[in-house]
PDB file of N, CA and C in Angstrom:
ATOM      1  N   UNK A   1       0.825  -1.194   0.000  1.00  0.00           N
ATOM      2  CA  UNK A   1       0.000   0.000   0.000  1.00  0.00           C
ATOM      3  C   UNK A   1       0.870   1.259   0.000  1.00  0.00           C
ATOM      4  N   UNK A   2       1.866   1.286   0.879  1.00  0.00           N
ATOM      5  CA  UNK A   2       2.758   2.439   0.943  1.00  0.00           C
ATOM      6  C   UNK A   2       3.518   2.582  -0.372  1.00  0.00           C
ATOM      7  N   UNK A   3       3.892   1.461  -0.958  1.00  0.00           N
ATOM      8  CA  UNK A   3       4.594   1.496  -2.237  1.00  0.00           C
ATOM      9  C   UNK A   3       3.756   2.127  -3.332  1.00  0.00           C
ATOM     10  N   UNK A   4       2.463   1.843  -3.334  1.00  0.00           N
ATOM     11  CA  UNK A   4       1.577   2.444  -4.327  1.00  0.00           C
ATOM     12  C   UNK A   4       1.460   3.953  -4.130  1.00  0.00           C
ATOM     13  N   UNK A   5       1.418   4.386  -2.884  1.00  0.00           N
ATOM     14  CA  UNK A   5       1.346   5.823  -2.604  1.00  0.00           C
ATOM     15  C   UNK A   5       2.627   6.502  -3.071  1.00  0.00           C
ATOM     16  N   UNK A   6       3.777   5.906  -2.764  1.00  0.00           N
ATOM     17  CA  UNK A   6       5.048   6.479  -3.210  1.00  0.00           C
ATOM     18  C   UNK A   6       5.156   6.495  -4.729  1.00  0.00           C
ATOM     19  N   UNK A   7       4.659   5.454  -5.369  1.00  0.00           N
ATOM     20  CA  UNK A   7       4.662   5.403  -6.823  1.00  0.00           C
ATOM     21  C   UNK A   7       3.775   6.518  -7.399  1.00  0.00           C
ATOM     22  N   UNK A   8       2.633   6.744  -6.788  1.00  0.00           N
ATOM     23  CA  UNK A   8       1.741   7.819  -7.227  1.00  0.00           C
ATOM     24  C   UNK A   8       2.380   9.190  -7.073  1.00  0.00           C
ATOM     25  N   UNK A   9       3.069   9.412  -5.956  1.00  0.00           N
ATOM     26  CA  UNK A   9       3.763  10.682  -5.746  1.00  0.00           C
ATOM     27  C   UNK A   9       4.865  10.855  -6.783  1.00  0.00           C
ATOM     28  N   UNK A  10       5.596   9.791  -7.061  1.00  0.00           N
ATOM     29  CA  UNK A  10       6.661   9.845  -8.063  1.00  0.00           C
ATOM     30  C   UNK A  10       6.100  10.197  -9.439  1.00  0.00           C
ATOM     31  N   UNK A  11       4.986   9.610  -9.805  1.00  0.00           N
ATOM     32  CA  UNK A  11       4.362   9.903 -11.093  1.00  0.00           C
ATOM     33  C   UNK A  11       3.943  11.373 -11.162  1.00  0.00           C
ATOM     34  N   UNK A  12       3.379  11.892 -10.071  1.00  0.00           N
ATOM     35  CA  UNK A  12       2.984  13.303 -10.055  1.00  0.00           C
ATOM     36  C   UNK A  12       4.185  14.233 -10.177  1.00  0.00           C
ATOM     37  N   UNK A  13       5.280  13.893  -9.520  1.00  0.00           N
ATOM     38  CA  UNK A  13       6.487  14.724  -9.591  1.00  0.00           C
ATOM     39  C   UNK A  13       7.053  14.721 -11.006  1.00  0.00           C
ATOM     40  N   UNK A  14       7.138  13.547 -11.604  1.00  0.00           N
ATOM     41  CA  UNK A  14       7.667  13.461 -12.972  1.00  0.00           C
ATOM     42  C   UNK A  14       6.757  14.205 -13.944  1.00  0.00           C
ATOM     43  N   UNK A  15       5.458  14.048 -13.792  1.00  0.00           N
ATOM     44  CA  UNK A  15       4.523  14.753 -14.673  1.00  0.00           C
ATOM     45  C   UNK A  15       4.648  16.268 -14.502  1.00  0.00           C
ATOM     46  N   UNK A  16       4.839  16.732 -13.274  1.00  0.00           N
ATOM     47  CA  UNK A  16       5.023  18.157 -13.035  1.00  0.00           C
ATOM     48  C   UNK A  16       6.291  18.671 -13.694  1.00  0.00           C
ATOM     49  N   UNK A  17       7.367  17.898 -13.598  1.00  0.00           N
ATOM     50  CA  UNK A  17       8.625  18.308 -14.242  1.00  0.00           C
ATOM     51  C   UNK A  17       8.475  18.354 -15.761  1.00  0.00           C
ATOM     52  N   UNK A  18       7.774  17.393 -16.316  1.00  0.00           N
ATOM     53  CA  UNK A  18       7.536  17.386 -17.766  1.00  0.00           C
ATOM     54  C   UNK A  18       6.738  18.629 -18.164  1.00  0.00           C
ATOM     55  N   UNK A  19       5.753  18.984 -17.355  1.00  0.00           N
ATOM     56  CA  UNK A  19       4.946  20.170 -17.671  1.00  0.00           C
ATOM     57  C   UNK A  19       5.768  21.449 -17.581  1.00  0.00           C
ATOM     58  N   UNK A  20       6.719  21.518 -16.635  1.00  0.00           N
ATOM     59  CA  UNK A  20       7.567  22.705 -16.531  1.00  0.00           C
ATOM     60  C   UNK A  20       8.405  22.856 -17.795  1.00  0.00           C
ATOM     61  N   UNK A  21       8.984  21.763 -18.262  1.00  0.00           N
ATOM     62  CA  UNK A  21       9.811  21.813 -19.475  1.00  0.00           C
ATOM     63  C   UNK A  21       8.951  22.141 -20.687  1.00  0.00           C
ATOM     64  N   UNK A  22       7.800  21.486 -20.801  1.00  0.00           N
ATOM     65  CA  UNK A  22       6.909  21.716 -21.936  1.00  0.00           C
ATOM     66  C   UNK A  22       6.417  23.164 -21.940  1.00  0.00           C
ATOM     67  N   UNK A  23       6.113  23.684 -20.748  1.00  0.00           N
ATOM     68  CA  UNK A  23       5.646  25.063 -20.642  1.00  0.00           C
ATOM     69  C   UNK A  23       6.718  26.051 -21.088  1.00  0.00           C
ATOM     70  N   UNK A  24       7.966  25.761 -20.766  1.00  0.00           N
ATOM     71  CA  UNK A  24       9.040  26.669 -21.176  1.00  0.00           C
ATOM     72  C   UNK A  24       9.209  26.687 -22.688  1.00  0.00           C
ATOM     73  N   UNK A  25       8.712  25.665 -23.345  1.00  0.00           N
ATOM     74  CA  UNK A  25       8.779  25.602 -24.806  1.00  0.00           C
ATOM     75  C   UNK A  25       7.471  26.051 -25.462  1.00  0.00           C
ATOM     76  N   UNK A  26       6.550  26.605 -24.649  1.00  0.00           N
ATOM     77  CA  UNK A  26       5.324  27.176 -25.196  1.00  0.00           C
ATOM     78  C   UNK A  26       4.173  26.201 -25.314  1.00  0.00           C
ATOM     79  N   UNK A  27       3.942  25.406 -24.299  1.00  0.00           N
ATOM     80  CA  UNK A  27       2.853  24.439 -24.327  1.00  0.00           C
ATOM     81  C   UNK A  27       1.487  25.087 -24.171  1.00  0.00           C
ATOM     82  N   UNK A  28       0.446  24.275 -24.178  1.00  0.00           N
ATOM     83  CA  UNK A  28      -0.920  24.806 -24.024  1.00  0.00           C
ATOM     84  C   UNK A  28      -1.154  25.407 -22.632  1.00  0.00           C
ATOM     85  N   UNK A  29      -2.293  26.055 -22.469  1.00  0.00           N
ATOM     86  CA  UNK A  29      -2.600  26.764 -21.235  1.00  0.00           C
ATOM     87  C   UNK A  29      -2.627  25.832 -20.023  1.00  0.00           C
ATOM     88  N   UNK A  30      -3.188  24.638 -20.161  1.00  0.00           N
ATOM     89  CA  UNK A  30      -3.276  23.744 -19.005  1.00  0.00           C
ATOM     90  C   UNK A  30      -1.887  23.289 -18.562  1.00  0.00           C
ATOM     91  N   UNK A  31      -0.953  23.185 -19.505  1.00  0.00           N
ATOM     92  CA  UNK A  31       0.414  22.801 -19.149  1.00  0.00           C
ATOM     93  C   UNK A  31       1.078  23.923 -18.365  1.00  0.00           C
ATOM     94  N   UNK A  32       0.828  25.159 -18.782  1.00  0.00           N
ATOM     95  CA  UNK A  32       1.390  26.297 -18.047  1.00  0.00           C
ATOM     96  C   UNK A  32       0.810  26.376 -16.640  1.00  0.00           C
ATOM     97  N   UNK A  33      -0.465  26.027 -16.482  1.00  0.00           N
ATOM     98  CA  UNK A  33      -1.092  26.032 -15.159  1.00  0.00           C
ATOM     99  C   UNK A  33      -0.474  24.962 -14.259  1.00  0.00           C
ATOM    100  N   UNK A  34      -0.284  23.764 -14.801  1.00  0.00           N
ATOM    101  CA  UNK A  34       0.330  22.682 -14.020  1.00  0.00           C
ATOM    102  C   UNK A  34       1.773  23.038 -13.679  1.00  0.00           C
ATOM    103  N   UNK A  35       2.478  23.656 -14.621  1.00  0.00           N
ATOM    104  CA  UNK A  35       3.858  24.070 -14.364  1.00  0.00           C
ATOM    105  C   UNK A  35       3.906  25.110 -13.245  1.00  0.00           C
ATOM    106  N   UNK A  36       2.977  26.037 -13.250  1.00  0.00           N
ATOM    107  CA  UNK A  36       2.934  27.049 -12.189  1.00  0.00           C
ATOM    108  C   UNK A  36       2.672  26.409 -10.832  1.00  0.00           C
ATOM    109  N   UNK A  37       1.760  25.451 -10.784  1.00  0.00           N
ATOM    110  CA  UNK A  37       1.494  24.738  -9.532  1.00  0.00           C
ATOM    111  C   UNK A  37       2.714  23.954  -9.068  1.00  0.00           C
ATOM    112  N   UNK A  38       3.411  23.338 -10.014  1.00  0.00           N
ATOM    113  CA  UNK A  38       4.605  22.562  -9.666  1.00  0.00           C
ATOM    114  C   UNK A  38       5.691  23.469  -9.105  1.00  0.00           C
ATOM    115  N   UNK A  39       5.911  24.609  -9.742  1.00  0.00           N
ATOM    116  CA  UNK A  39       6.930  25.537  -9.265  1.00  0.00           C
ATOM    117  C   UNK A  39       6.546  26.127  -7.910  1.00  0.00           C
ATOM    118  N   UNK A  40       5.263  26.397  -7.707  1.00  0.00           N
ATOM    119  CA  UNK A  40       4.807  26.913  -6.410  1.00  0.00           C
ATOM    120  C   UNK A  40       5.001  25.872  -5.311  1.00  0.00           C
ATOM    121  N   UNK A  41       4.712  24.621  -5.615  1.00  0.00           N
ATOM    122  CA  UNK A  41       4.918  23.556  -4.629  1.00  0.00           C
ATOM    123  C   UNK A  41       6.402  23.423  -4.291  1.00  0.00           C
ATOM    124  N   UNK A  42       7.248  23.568  -5.285  1.00  0.00           N
ATOM    125  CA  UNK A  42       8.687  23.522  -5.036  1.00  0.00           C
ATOM    126  C   UNK A  42       9.140  24.655  -4.137  1.00  0.00           C
ATOM    127  N   UNK A  43       8.570  25.844  -4.326  1.00  0.00           N
ATOM    128  CA  UNK A  43       8.903  26.975  -3.465  1.00  0.00           C
ATOM    129  C   UNK A  43       8.456  26.733  -2.030  1.00  0.00           C
ATOM    130  N   UNK A  44       7.291  26.125  -1.861  1.00  0.00           N
ATOM    131  CA  UNK A  44       6.790  25.820  -0.517  1.00  0.00           C
ATOM    132  C   UNK A  44       7.717  24.823   0.171  1.00  0.00           C
ATOM    133  N   UNK A  45       8.112  23.783  -0.543  1.00  0.00           N
ATOM    134  CA  UNK A  45       9.005  22.778   0.035  1.00  0.00           C
ATOM    135  C   UNK A  45      10.358  23.402   0.361  1.00  0.00           C
ATOM    136  N   UNK A  46      10.871  24.224  -0.542  1.00  0.00           N
ATOM    137  CA  UNK A  46      12.158  24.879  -0.316  1.00  0.00           C
ATOM    138  C   UNK A  46      12.078  25.806   0.893  1.00  0.00           C
ATOM    139  N   UNK A  47      10.979  26.530   1.040  1.00  0.00           N
ATOM    140  CA  UNK A  47      10.807  27.422   2.188  1.00  0.00           C
ATOM    141  C   UNK A  47      10.734  26.654   3.495  1.00  0.00           C
ATOM    142  N   UNK A  48      10.067  25.508   3.493  1.00  0.00           N
ATOM    143  CA  UNK A  48       9.985  24.691   4.698  1.00  0.00           C
ATOM    144  C   UNK A  48      11.362  24.150   5.067  1.00  0.00           C
ATOM    145  N   UNK A  49      12.164  23.795   4.070  1.00  0.00           N
ATOM    146  CA  UNK A  49      13.508  23.289   4.326  1.00  0.00           C
ATOM    147  C   UNK A  49      14.386  24.391   4.909  1.00  0.00           C
ATOM    148  N   UNK A  50      14.242  25.615   4.397  1.00  0.00           N
ATOM    149  CA  UNK A  50      15.020  26.736   4.932  1.00  0.00           C
ATOM    150  C   UNK A  50      14.658  27.001   6.388  1.00  0.00           C
ATOM    151  N   UNK A  51      13.360  26.937   6.706  1.00  0.00           N
ATOM    152  CA  UNK A  51      12.934  27.155   8.091  1.00  0.00           C
ATOM    153  C   UNK A  51      13.511  26.088   9.009  1.00  0.00           C
ATOM    154  N   UNK A  52      13.515  24.848   8.525  1.00  0.00           N
ATOM    155  CA  UNK A  52      14.041  23.746   9.331  1.00  0.00           C
ATOM    156  C   UNK A  52      15.533  23.939   9.585  1.00  0.00           C
ATOM    157  N   UNK A  53      16.271  24.323   8.558  1.00  0.00           N
ATOM    158  CA  UNK A  53      17.708  24.533   8.715  1.00  0.00           C
ATOM    159  C   UNK A  53      17.992  25.719   9.626  1.00  0.00           C
ATOM    160  N   UNK A  54      17.211  26.780   9.499  1.00  0.00           N
ATOM    161  CA  UNK A  54      17.409  27.945  10.346  1.00  0.00           C
ATOM    162  C   UNK A  54      17.140  27.595  11.807  1.00  0.00           C
ATOM    163  N   UNK A  55      16.092  26.796  12.041  1.00  0.00           N
ATOM    164  CA  UNK A  55      15.759  26.393  13.402  1.00  0.00           C
ATOM    165  C   UNK A  55      16.882  25.555  13.996  1.00  0.00           C
ATOM    166  N   UNK A  56      17.473  24.674  13.190  1.00  0.00           N
ATOM    167  CA  UNK A  56      18.573  23.851  13.688  1.00  0.00           C
ATOM    168  C   UNK A  56      19.798  24.689  13.983  1.00  0.00           C
ATOM    169  N   UNK A  57      20.065  25.691  13.175  1.00  0.00           N
ATOM    170  CA  UNK A  57      21.246  26.515  13.419  1.00  0.00           C
ATOM    171  C   UNK A  57      21.050  27.356  14.686  1.00  0.00           C
ATOM    172  N   UNK A  58      19.825  27.744  14.991  1.00  0.00           N
ATOM    173  CA  UNK A  58      19.556  28.484  16.218  1.00  0.00           C
ATOM    174  C   UNK A  58      19.707  27.599  17.445  1.00  0.00           C
ATOM    175  N   UNK A  59      19.534  26.305  17.278  1.00  0.00           N
ATOM    176  CA  UNK A  59      19.673  25.369  18.388  1.00  0.00           C
ATOM    177  C   UNK A  59      21.119  24.929  18.586  1.00  0.00           C
ATOM    178  N   UNK A  60      22.066  25.503  17.864  1.00  0.00           N
ATOM    179  CA  UNK A  60      23.461  25.196  18.094  1.00  0.00           C
ATOM    180  C   UNK A  60      24.062  24.191  17.146  1.00  0.00           C
ATOM    181  N   UNK A  61      23.378  23.863  16.067  1.00  0.00           N
ATOM    182  CA  UNK A  61      23.905  22.918  15.092  1.00  0.00           C
ATOM    183  C   UNK A  61      23.969  23.624  13.740  1.00  0.00           C
ATOM    184  N   UNK A  62      25.026  24.394  13.468  1.00  0.00           N
ATOM    185  CA  UNK A  62      25.064  25.205  12.256  1.00  0.00           C
ATOM    186  C   UNK A  62      25.151  24.407  10.956  1.00  0.00           C
ATOM    187  N   UNK A  63      25.558  23.146  11.036  1.00  0.00           N
ATOM    188  CA  UNK A  63      25.693  22.371   9.809  1.00  0.00           C
ATOM    189  C   UNK A  63      24.344  21.901   9.284  1.00  0.00           C
ATOM    190  N   UNK A  64      23.325  21.912  10.122  1.00  0.00           N
ATOM    191  CA  UNK A  64      22.002  21.462   9.700  1.00  0.00           C
ATOM    192  C   UNK A  64      21.838  19.956   9.703  1.00  0.00           C
ATOM    193  N   UNK A  65      22.811  19.240  10.239  1.00  0.00           N
ATOM    194  CA  UNK A  65      22.720  17.781  10.282  1.00  0.00           C
ATOM    195  C   UNK A  65      22.173  17.344  11.625  1.00  0.00           C
ATOM    196  N   UNK A  66      21.561  16.128  11.600  1.00  0.00           N
ATOM    197  CA  UNK A  66      21.155  15.505  12.850  1.00  0.00           C
ATOM    198  C   UNK A  66      19.828  15.840  13.257  1.00  0.00           C
TER     199      UNK A  66
END
């Protein structure tokens, strides 16, 4: 069951990346919409990672490990 969920997430990620590339080459409107959603999701994930690293550095672990 968990494997199917991970496989589904992987398919969505790959499809989003394909839409980003296709959109940069002038794809249809729905591709540009999916690409925008994919890029926004990436920004959200990147922002959460930055917050996590900043919190760890404030706790005395500047390398962000552990």
